[in-house]
């Protein structure tokens, strides 16, 4: 199955990861940041899916490739 989600720039993924890990926010706020990241790029995401993705990113210390896969998993093409 070919993903319909774009390959995000490593610099964008790195900025998102740093913001999620270092902002001192809860999972609901982090999910909003992830949703905004996707929305700015033309994608939607469900609230529960965004929170799940954030928790996986935070708990696993995801690499940029891991983050790309997480975003592909939850992003809804609009």
N, C-alpha and C. Protein backbone atom coordinates (compact mmCIF):
# COMPACT_ATOMS: atom_id res chain seq x y z
N UNK A 1 0.84 -1.18 0.00
CA UNK A 1 0.00 0.00 0.00
C UNK A 1 0.89 1.25 0.00
N UNK A 2 0.66 2.14 -0.92
CA UNK A 2 1.44 3.37 -1.03
C UNK A 2 0.77 4.46 -0.19
N UNK A 3 1.57 5.12 0.64
CA UNK A 3 1.05 6.19 1.49
C UNK A 3 0.68 7.39 0.65
N UNK A 4 -0.40 8.04 1.01
CA UNK A 4 -0.81 9.27 0.35
C UNK A 4 -0.35 10.50 1.13
N UNK A 5 0.41 10.25 2.18
CA UNK A 5 0.94 11.33 3.01
C UNK A 5 2.33 11.66 2.52
N UNK A 6 2.60 12.95 2.38
CA UNK A 6 3.90 13.38 1.88
C UNK A 6 5.03 13.00 2.81
N UNK A 7 6.22 12.99 2.28
CA UNK A 7 7.42 12.82 3.09
C UNK A 7 7.76 14.20 3.64
N UNK A 8 7.67 14.35 4.94
CA UNK A 8 7.93 15.65 5.56
C UNK A 8 9.43 15.90 5.63
N UNK A 9 9.79 17.16 5.60
CA UNK A 9 11.20 17.55 5.71
C UNK A 9 11.73 17.13 7.08
N UNK A 10 12.97 16.63 7.11
CA UNK A 10 13.57 16.24 8.39
C UNK A 10 13.63 17.41 9.36
N UNK A 11 13.87 18.61 8.86
CA UNK A 11 13.93 19.78 9.74
C UNK A 11 12.57 20.05 10.38
N UNK A 12 11.48 19.84 9.62
CA UNK A 12 10.13 20.02 10.18
C UNK A 12 9.82 18.96 11.23
N UNK A 13 10.19 17.72 10.94
CA UNK A 13 9.97 16.64 11.90
C UNK A 13 10.79 16.85 13.17
N UNK A 14 12.03 17.29 12.98
CA UNK A 14 12.89 17.54 14.13
C UNK A 14 12.33 18.66 15.01
N UNK A 15 11.85 19.71 14.38
CA UNK A 15 11.24 20.83 15.14
C UNK A 15 10.01 20.36 15.88
N UNK A 16 9.18 19.56 15.22
CA UNK A 16 7.98 19.03 15.87
C UNK A 16 8.36 18.15 17.06
N UNK A 17 9.32 17.24 16.86
CA UNK A 17 9.75 16.35 17.94
C UNK A 17 10.28 17.15 19.12
N UNK A 18 11.13 18.14 18.85
CA UNK A 18 11.67 18.96 19.94
C UNK A 18 10.58 19.69 20.68
N UNK A 19 9.61 20.22 19.95
CA UNK A 19 8.51 20.92 20.60
C UNK A 19 7.70 19.97 21.48
N UNK A 20 7.42 18.78 20.97
CA UNK A 20 6.63 17.82 21.74
C UNK A 20 7.37 17.34 22.99
N UNK A 21 8.66 17.13 22.87
CA UNK A 21 9.43 16.57 23.98
C UNK A 21 9.88 17.60 25.01
N UNK A 22 10.02 18.87 24.60
CA UNK A 22 10.62 19.86 25.48
C UNK A 22 9.68 20.98 25.92
N UNK A 23 8.44 20.94 25.50
CA UNK A 23 7.54 22.05 25.79
C UNK A 23 6.93 22.00 27.19
N UNK A 24 7.03 20.87 27.87
CA UNK A 24 6.45 20.78 29.20
C UNK A 24 4.93 20.84 29.18
N UNK A 25 4.32 20.20 28.19
CA UNK A 25 2.87 20.23 28.04
C UNK A 25 2.31 18.83 28.22
N UNK A 26 0.99 18.76 28.44
CA UNK A 26 0.36 17.45 28.59
C UNK A 26 0.03 16.85 27.23
N UNK A 27 -0.46 15.62 27.23
CA UNK A 27 -0.70 14.91 25.98
C UNK A 27 -1.80 15.55 25.14
N UNK A 28 -2.77 16.19 25.79
CA UNK A 28 -3.83 16.85 25.04
C UNK A 28 -3.28 18.07 24.27
N UNK A 29 -2.43 18.83 24.93
CA UNK A 29 -1.82 19.98 24.27
C UNK A 29 -0.85 19.53 23.18
N UNK A 30 -0.12 18.47 23.45
CA UNK A 30 0.80 17.94 22.45
C UNK A 30 0.03 17.43 21.22
N UNK A 31 -1.12 16.81 21.45
CA UNK A 31 -1.95 16.33 20.35
C UNK A 31 -2.44 17.51 19.51
N UNK A 32 -2.72 18.63 20.14
CA UNK A 32 -3.14 19.83 19.40
C UNK A 32 -2.00 20.35 18.53
N UNK A 33 -0.78 20.30 19.04
CA UNK A 33 0.38 20.72 18.26
C UNK A 33 0.56 19.80 17.06
N UNK A 34 0.45 18.50 17.29
CA UNK A 34 0.57 17.56 16.18
C UNK A 34 -0.53 17.79 15.15
N UNK A 35 -1.76 18.02 15.61
CA UNK A 35 -2.87 18.29 14.70
C UNK A 35 -2.63 19.57 13.90
N UNK A 36 -2.09 20.59 14.55
CA UNK A 36 -1.79 21.85 13.85
C UNK A 36 -0.70 21.64 12.81
N UNK A 37 0.32 20.85 13.16
CA UNK A 37 1.39 20.53 12.21
C UNK A 37 0.80 19.90 10.95
N UNK A 38 -0.08 18.92 11.13
CA UNK A 38 -0.70 18.26 9.99
C UNK A 38 -1.65 19.19 9.24
N UNK A 39 -2.42 19.98 9.97
CA UNK A 39 -3.39 20.89 9.33
C UNK A 39 -2.69 21.91 8.44
N UNK A 40 -1.54 22.40 8.87
CA UNK A 40 -0.79 23.37 8.07
C UNK A 40 -0.29 22.76 6.77
N UNK A 41 -0.32 21.44 6.71
CA UNK A 41 0.14 20.75 5.51
C UNK A 41 -1.01 20.08 4.75
N UNK A 42 -2.25 20.41 5.14
CA UNK A 42 -3.42 19.94 4.42
C UNK A 42 -3.97 18.60 4.85
N UNK A 43 -3.63 18.17 6.06
CA UNK A 43 -4.11 16.88 6.58
C UNK A 43 -4.95 17.11 7.83
N UNK A 44 -5.82 16.17 8.08
CA UNK A 44 -6.58 16.17 9.32
C UNK A 44 -6.10 15.01 10.18
N UNK A 45 -6.59 14.99 11.41
CA UNK A 45 -6.27 13.88 12.31
C UNK A 45 -7.33 13.84 13.40
N UNK A 46 -7.74 12.65 13.79
CA UNK A 46 -8.68 12.50 14.88
C UNK A 46 -7.99 12.79 16.21
N UNK A 47 -8.74 13.29 17.15
CA UNK A 47 -8.19 13.65 18.47
C UNK A 47 -7.54 12.46 19.16
N UNK A 48 -8.23 11.34 19.20
CA UNK A 48 -7.68 10.15 19.86
C UNK A 48 -6.43 9.64 19.15
N UNK A 49 -6.46 9.66 17.82
CA UNK A 49 -5.31 9.20 17.06
C UNK A 49 -4.11 10.12 17.27
N UNK A 50 -4.35 11.41 17.36
CA UNK A 50 -3.26 12.36 17.61
C UNK A 50 -2.64 12.12 18.98
N UNK A 51 -3.47 11.90 20.00
CA UNK A 51 -2.94 11.63 21.34
C UNK A 51 -2.16 10.33 21.37
N UNK A 52 -2.66 9.30 20.71
CA UNK A 52 -1.95 8.02 20.65
C UNK A 52 -0.59 8.18 19.97
N UNK A 53 -0.57 8.93 18.88
CA UNK A 53 0.69 9.15 18.16
C UNK A 53 1.68 9.91 19.03
N UNK A 54 1.21 10.93 19.72
CA UNK A 54 2.08 11.72 20.61
C UNK A 54 2.66 10.83 21.70
N UNK A 55 1.83 9.99 22.29
CA UNK A 55 2.32 9.11 23.35
C UNK A 55 3.37 8.13 22.82
N UNK A 56 3.15 7.59 21.63
CA UNK A 56 4.14 6.69 21.04
C UNK A 56 5.45 7.42 20.74
N UNK A 57 5.33 8.64 20.24
CA UNK A 57 6.53 9.43 19.94
C UNK A 57 7.29 9.73 21.23
N UNK A 58 6.58 10.14 22.27
CA UNK A 58 7.23 10.49 23.54
C UNK A 58 7.81 9.26 24.23
N UNK A 59 7.05 8.18 24.27
CA UNK A 59 7.49 6.99 25.00
C UNK A 59 8.61 6.24 24.31
N UNK A 60 8.65 6.29 23.00
CA UNK A 60 9.65 5.54 22.26
C UNK A 60 10.85 6.38 21.85
N UNK A 61 10.82 7.68 22.12
CA UNK A 61 11.91 8.53 21.68
C UNK A 61 12.12 8.37 20.18
N UNK A 62 11.05 8.45 19.46
CA UNK A 62 11.02 8.15 18.03
C UNK A 62 12.11 8.88 17.24
N UNK A 63 12.68 8.14 16.31
CA UNK A 63 13.57 8.74 15.32
C UNK A 63 12.70 9.51 14.33
N UNK A 64 13.34 10.24 13.44
CA UNK A 64 12.59 10.99 12.44
C UNK A 64 11.82 10.04 11.51
N UNK A 65 12.42 8.90 11.18
CA UNK A 65 11.71 7.90 10.35
C UNK A 65 10.49 7.36 11.08
N UNK A 66 10.64 7.11 12.36
CA UNK A 66 9.53 6.64 13.18
C UNK A 66 8.41 7.69 13.21
N UNK A 67 8.79 8.95 13.37
CA UNK A 67 7.79 10.02 13.38
C UNK A 67 7.06 10.10 12.04
N UNK A 68 7.80 9.97 10.94
CA UNK A 68 7.18 9.99 9.62
C UNK A 68 6.13 8.88 9.53
N UNK A 69 6.47 7.69 9.99
CA UNK A 69 5.53 6.56 9.94
C UNK A 69 4.32 6.81 10.83
N UNK A 70 4.54 7.40 12.01
CA UNK A 70 3.41 7.72 12.89
C UNK A 70 2.48 8.73 12.23
N UNK A 71 3.05 9.76 11.61
CA UNK A 71 2.23 10.77 10.94
C UNK A 71 1.48 10.16 9.76
N UNK A 72 2.13 9.27 9.02
CA UNK A 72 1.45 8.59 7.92
C UNK A 72 0.30 7.75 8.43
N UNK A 73 0.48 7.14 9.60
CA UNK A 73 -0.54 6.27 10.17
C UNK A 73 -1.79 7.02 10.59
N UNK A 74 -1.62 8.26 11.09
CA UNK A 74 -2.77 8.97 11.65
C UNK A 74 -3.33 10.07 10.74
N UNK A 75 -2.54 10.52 9.78
CA UNK A 75 -2.97 11.65 8.94
C UNK A 75 -4.12 11.25 8.01
N UNK A 76 -5.09 12.13 7.93
CA UNK A 76 -6.22 11.94 7.03
C UNK A 76 -6.07 12.93 5.88
N UNK A 77 -5.99 12.39 4.68
CA UNK A 77 -5.85 13.24 3.51
C UNK A 77 -7.15 13.99 3.31
N UNK A 78 -7.03 15.32 3.21
CA UNK A 78 -8.23 16.15 3.07
C UNK A 78 -8.48 16.48 1.62
